[in-house]
Amino acid sequence: MENSVWIKQARVEDVPQLAQLFNQYRMFYGQSSDLDGAATFLQERITHKESTAFIAYSSSEDRRGLGFVQLYPSFSSVSMQRLWILNDLFVTTEARNHSVGRQLMDTAYRFALESGAKGLTLSTTNDNKTAQRLYESLGYERDEHFYTYELYFKG
């Protein structure tokens, strides 16, 4: 599978395929299936240039979605440089253990580098050891200096 993976930046016309993967990703994290909501959300992010997503396909001909990575733009005030938040990484069950996640991560890295960004930042759950091993094998370092705080609004 590794040699036949084809990765491309998602455009508006890719939203139906991306939404299928995004919906699976959300269900993986315990959300209810909402394919229409996923498509609307992604359409808005891509149309308004609020995110950049890359889709991994089985091949340029077959176009069976294997996974995706989604980046959101941010900035570092201290360094006055762009950052990318690697917010979402998902690989379908059948494509896992075939380096699809690593290839998507490499694509995100190249994109961030080419955009002149200072770097990439990401987070994962404490118990997602598979993702932690992947990130650490790619040179990501766990932050030992800052605590993360969150405030969510009900509604």
C-alpha atoms as a PDB file:
ATOM      1  CA  MET A   1       0.000   0.000   0.000  1.00  0.00           C
ATOM      2  CA  GLU A   2       2.861   2.405   0.821  1.00  0.00           C
ATOM      3  CA  ASN A   3       3.976   2.781  -2.788  1.00  0.00           C
ATOM      4  CA  SER A   4       0.467   3.228  -4.131  1.00  0.00           C
ATOM      5  CA  VAL A   5      -0.560   6.058  -1.773  1.00  0.00           C
ATOM      6  CA  TRP A   6      -1.321   9.331  -3.513  1.00  0.00           C
ATOM      7  CA  ILE A   7      -1.660  12.510  -1.415  1.00  0.00           C
ATOM      8  CA  LYS A   8      -3.174  15.753  -2.619  1.00  0.00           C
ATOM      9  CA  GLN A   9      -4.252  19.022  -1.081  1.00  0.00           C
ATOM     10  CA  ALA A  10      -8.010  19.075  -0.624  1.00  0.00           C
ATOM     11  CA  ARG A  11     -10.036  21.512  -2.711  1.00  0.00           C
ATOM     12  CA  VAL A  12     -13.758  22.236  -2.635  1.00  0.00           C
ATOM     13  CA  GLU A  13     -14.403  19.443  -5.142  1.00  0.00           C
ATOM     14  CA  ASP A  14     -12.746  16.983  -2.715  1.00  0.00           C
ATOM     15  CA  VAL A  15     -15.129  17.790   0.145  1.00  0.00           C
ATOM     16  CA  PRO A  16     -17.433  14.763  -0.381  1.00  0.00           C
ATOM     17  CA  GLN A  17     -14.519  12.306  -0.016  1.00  0.00           C
ATOM     18  CA  LEU A  18     -12.885  14.324   2.762  1.00  0.00           C
ATOM     19  CA  ALA A  19     -16.202  14.540   4.631  1.00  0.00           C
ATOM     20  CA  GLN A  20     -16.472  10.724   4.644  1.00  0.00           C
ATOM     21  CA  LEU A  21     -13.057  10.486   6.326  1.00  0.00           C
ATOM     22  CA  PHE A  22     -13.740  13.436   8.637  1.00  0.00           C
ATOM     23  CA  ASN A  23     -17.011  11.848   9.752  1.00  0.00           C
ATOM     24  CA  GLN A  24     -15.184   8.593  10.598  1.00  0.00           C
ATOM     25  CA  TYR A  25     -12.566  10.623  12.504  1.00  0.00           C
ATOM     26  CA  ARG A  26     -15.235  12.346  14.576  1.00  0.00           C
ATOM     27  CA  MET A  27     -16.942   9.028  15.338  1.00  0.00           C
ATOM     28  CA  PHE A  28     -13.546   7.634  16.435  1.00  0.00           C
ATOM     29  CA  TYR A  29     -13.592  10.395  19.074  1.00  0.00           C
ATOM     30  CA  GLY A  30     -17.093   9.491  20.250  1.00  0.00           C
ATOM     31  CA  GLN A  31     -19.196  11.921  18.202  1.00  0.00           C
ATOM     32  CA  SER A  32     -22.397  10.950  16.423  1.00  0.00           C
ATOM     33  CA  SER A  33     -22.286  10.479  12.681  1.00  0.00           C
ATOM     34  CA  ASP A  34     -23.118  13.718  10.833  1.00  0.00           C
ATOM     35  CA  LEU A  35     -21.963  13.485   7.233  1.00  0.00           C
ATOM     36  CA  ASP A  36     -23.885  16.580   6.120  1.00  0.00           C
ATOM     37  CA  GLY A  37     -22.481  18.598   9.025  1.00  0.00           C
ATOM     38  CA  ALA A  38     -18.973  17.353   8.249  1.00  0.00           C
ATOM     39  CA  ALA A  39     -19.314  18.386   4.597  1.00  0.00           C
ATOM     40  CA  THR A  40     -20.630  21.834   5.535  1.00  0.00           C
ATOM     41  CA  PHE A  41     -17.882  22.369   8.111  1.00  0.00           C
ATOM     42  CA  LEU A  42     -15.124  21.373   5.684  1.00  0.00           C
ATOM     43  CA  GLN A  43     -16.623  23.325   2.786  1.00  0.00           C
ATOM     44  CA  GLU A  44     -16.578  26.474   4.936  1.00  0.00           C
ATOM     45  CA  ARG A  45     -13.019  25.943   6.173  1.00  0.00           C
ATOM     46  CA  ILE A  46     -11.675  25.356   2.659  1.00  0.00           C
ATOM     47  CA  THR A  47     -13.724  28.092   0.983  1.00  0.00           C
ATOM     48  CA  HIS A  48     -12.661  30.707   3.546  1.00  0.00           C
ATOM     49  CA  LYS A  49      -9.047  29.447   3.594  1.00  0.00           C
ATOM     50  CA  GLU A  50      -9.355  28.722   7.314  1.00  0.00           C
ATOM     51  CA  SER A  51      -7.680  25.338   7.039  1.00  0.00           C
ATOM     52  CA  THR A  52      -5.495  23.308   4.742  1.00  0.00           C
ATOM     53  CA  ALA A  53      -6.188  19.604   4.415  1.00  0.00           C
ATOM     54  CA  PHE A  54      -4.422  16.816   2.571  1.00  0.00           C
ATOM     55  CA  ILE A  55      -6.115  13.554   1.594  1.00  0.00           C
ATOM     56  CA  ALA A  56      -4.344  10.220   1.119  1.00  0.00           C
ATOM     57  CA  TYR A  57      -5.873   8.123  -1.647  1.00  0.00           C
ATOM     58  CA  SER A  58      -5.155   4.515  -2.564  1.00  0.00           C
ATOM     59  CA  SER A  59      -4.033   5.759  -6.000  1.00  0.00           C
ATOM     60  CA  SER A  60      -4.685   8.630  -8.379  1.00  0.00           C
ATOM     61  CA  GLU A  61      -6.992   6.344 -10.378  1.00  0.00           C
ATOM     62  CA  ASP A  62      -8.848   4.463  -7.624  1.00  0.00           C
ATOM     63  CA  ARG A  63      -9.298   7.522  -5.361  1.00  0.00           C
ATOM     64  CA  ARG A  64     -10.328   5.446  -2.314  1.00  0.00           C
ATOM     65  CA  GLY A  65      -9.744   7.669   0.723  1.00  0.00           C
ATOM     66  CA  LEU A  66      -7.235   6.268   3.211  1.00  0.00           C
ATOM     67  CA  GLY A  67      -6.833   9.208   5.553  1.00  0.00           C
ATOM     68  CA  PHE A  68      -6.319  12.919   5.944  1.00  0.00           C
ATOM     69  CA  VAL A  69      -4.443  15.576   7.867  1.00  0.00           C
ATOM     70  CA  GLN A  70      -5.848  19.045   8.560  1.00  0.00           C
ATOM     71  CA  LEU A  71      -3.874  22.127   9.519  1.00  0.00           C
ATOM     72  CA  TYR A  72      -5.119  25.419  10.928  1.00  0.00           C
ATOM     73  CA  PRO A  73      -3.077  28.614  10.622  1.00  0.00           C
ATOM     74  CA  SER A  74      -1.837  30.372  13.728  1.00  0.00           C
ATOM     75  CA  PHE A  75       0.927  32.766  14.689  1.00  0.00           C
ATOM     76  CA  SER A  76       3.589  33.146  17.352  1.00  0.00           C
ATOM     77  CA  SER A  77       3.482  36.665  18.771  1.00  0.00           C
ATOM     78  CA  VAL A  78       6.868  36.257  20.459  1.00  0.00           C
ATOM     79  CA  SER A  79       8.711  35.226  17.284  1.00  0.00           C
ATOM     80  CA  MET A  80       6.296  37.104  14.973  1.00  0.00           C
ATOM     81  CA  GLN A  81       6.070  34.070  12.693  1.00  0.00           C
ATOM     82  CA  ARG A  82       3.395  31.785  11.286  1.00  0.00           C
ATOM     83  CA  LEU A  83       2.677  28.453  12.952  1.00  0.00           C
ATOM     84  CA  TRP A  84       0.457  25.625  11.773  1.00  0.00           C
ATOM     85  CA  ILE A  85      -1.704  23.701  14.209  1.00  0.00           C
ATOM     86  CA  LEU A  86      -1.843  20.090  13.091  1.00  0.00           C
ATOM     87  CA  ASN A  87      -5.332  19.602  14.438  1.00  0.00           C
ATOM     88  CA  ASP A  88      -6.527  16.399  12.785  1.00  0.00           C
ATOM     89  CA  LEU A  89      -4.826  13.230  11.595  1.00  0.00           C
ATOM     90  CA  PHE A  90      -6.873  10.187  10.668  1.00  0.00           C
ATOM     91  CA  VAL A  91      -6.100   6.944   8.863  1.00  0.00           C
ATOM     92  CA  THR A  92      -8.783   4.360   8.091  1.00  0.00           C
ATOM     93  CA  THR A  93      -8.572   1.042   9.905  1.00  0.00           C
ATOM     94  CA  GLU A  94      -7.546  -0.894   6.779  1.00  0.00           C
ATOM     95  CA  ALA A  95      -4.782   1.604   5.954  1.00  0.00           C
ATOM     96  CA  ARG A  96      -3.158   1.601   9.402  1.00  0.00           C
ATOM     97  CA  ASN A  97       0.300   0.067   9.720  1.00  0.00           C
ATOM     98  CA  HIS A  98       1.055   0.908   6.076  1.00  0.00           C
ATOM     99  CA  SER A  99       2.837   4.245   6.771  1.00  0.00           C
ATOM    100  CA  VAL A 100      -0.118   6.334   5.542  1.00  0.00           C
ATOM    101  CA  GLY A 101      -0.067   8.419   8.740  1.00  0.00           C
ATOM    102  CA  ARG A 102       3.674   8.985   8.378  1.00  0.00           C
ATOM    103  CA  GLN A 103       3.228  10.058   4.757  1.00  0.00           C
ATOM    104  CA  LEU A 104       0.475  12.497   5.731  1.00  0.00           C
ATOM    105  CA  MET A 105       2.682  13.881   8.508  1.00  0.00           C
ATOM    106  CA  ASP A 106       5.573  14.282   6.041  1.00  0.00           C
ATOM    107  CA  THR A 107       3.266  16.150   3.666  1.00  0.00           C
ATOM    108  CA  ALA A 108       2.165  18.489   6.475  1.00  0.00           C
ATOM    109  CA  TYR A 109       5.822  19.080   7.385  1.00  0.00           C
ATOM    110  CA  ARG A 110       6.779  19.980   3.811  1.00  0.00           C
ATOM    111  CA  PHE A 111       3.765  22.257   3.464  1.00  0.00           C
ATOM    112  CA  ALA A 112       4.605  24.117   6.702  1.00  0.00           C
ATOM    113  CA  LEU A 113       8.241  24.470   5.667  1.00  0.00           C
ATOM    114  CA  GLU A 114       7.328  25.757   2.202  1.00  0.00           C
ATOM    115  CA  SER A 115       4.912  28.295   3.716  1.00  0.00           C
ATOM    116  CA  GLY A 116       7.751  29.810   5.759  1.00  0.00           C
ATOM    117  CA  ALA A 117       6.252  28.755   9.078  1.00  0.00           C
ATOM    118  CA  LYS A 118       8.197  28.582  12.315  1.00  0.00           C
ATOM    119  CA  GLY A 119       6.870  25.076  12.850  1.00  0.00           C
ATOM    120  CA  LEU A 120       3.986  22.752  13.559  1.00  0.00           C
ATOM    121  CA  THR A 121       2.224  22.204  16.843  1.00  0.00           C
ATOM    122  CA  LEU A 122      -0.122  19.387  17.794  1.00  0.00           C
ATOM    123  CA  SER A 123      -1.686  17.631  20.722  1.00  0.00           C
ATOM    124  CA  THR A 124      -3.078  14.184  21.307  1.00  0.00           C
ATOM    125  CA  THR A 125      -4.812  12.372  24.110  1.00  0.00           C
ATOM    126  CA  ASN A 126      -2.681  10.995  26.931  1.00  0.00           C
ATOM    127  CA  ASP A 127      -3.653   7.418  26.084  1.00  0.00           C
ATOM    128  CA  ASN A 128      -3.021   7.572  22.321  1.00  0.00           C
ATOM    129  CA  LYS A 129       0.328   5.791  22.507  1.00  0.00           C
ATOM    130  CA  THR A 130       0.325   4.907  18.787  1.00  0.00           C
ATOM    131  CA  ALA A 131       0.108   8.569  17.789  1.00  0.00           C
ATOM    132  CA  GLN A 132       2.682   9.558  20.410  1.00  0.00           C
ATOM    133  CA  ARG A 133       5.168   7.019  19.008  1.00  0.00           C
ATOM    134  CA  LEU A 134       4.609   8.319  15.478  1.00  0.00           C
ATOM    135  CA  TYR A 135       5.052  11.973  16.477  1.00  0.00           C
ATOM    136  CA  GLU A 136       8.164  11.274  18.528  1.00  0.00           C
ATOM    137  CA  SER A 137       9.680   9.179  15.720  1.00  0.00           C
ATOM    138  CA  LEU A 138       9.269  12.239  13.467  1.00  0.00           C
ATOM    139  CA  GLY A 139      11.125  14.510  15.884  1.00  0.00           C
ATOM    140  CA  TYR A 140       8.198  16.101  17.717  1.00  0.00           C
ATOM    141  CA  GLU A 141       8.980  16.824  21.359  1.00  0.00           C
ATOM    142  CA  ARG A 142       6.489  16.736  24.201  1.00  0.00           C
ATOM    143  CA  ASP A 143       6.128  20.121  25.882  1.00  0.00           C
ATOM    144  CA  GLU A 144       7.363  19.884  29.464  1.00  0.00           C
ATOM    145  CA  HIS A 145       7.264  23.656  30.128  1.00  0.00           C
ATOM    146  CA  PHE A 146       3.672  24.751  29.588  1.00  0.00           C
ATOM    147  CA  TYR A 147       0.306  23.653  30.876  1.00  0.00           C
ATOM    148  CA  THR A 148      -2.664  23.759  28.550  1.00  0.00           C
ATOM    149  CA  TYR A 149      -5.872  25.314  29.835  1.00  0.00           C
ATOM    150  CA  GLU A 150      -9.214  25.236  28.092  1.00  0.00           C
ATOM    151  CA  LEU A 151     -12.516  27.028  28.561  1.00  0.00           C
ATOM    152  CA  TYR A 152     -15.461  25.665  26.607  1.00  0.00           C
ATOM    153  CA  PHE A 153     -18.851  27.314  26.386  1.00  0.00           C
ATOM    154  CA  LYS A 154     -21.998  25.256  26.700  1.00  0.00           C
ATOM    155  CA  GLY A 155     -24.439  25.388  23.889  1.00  0.00           C
END
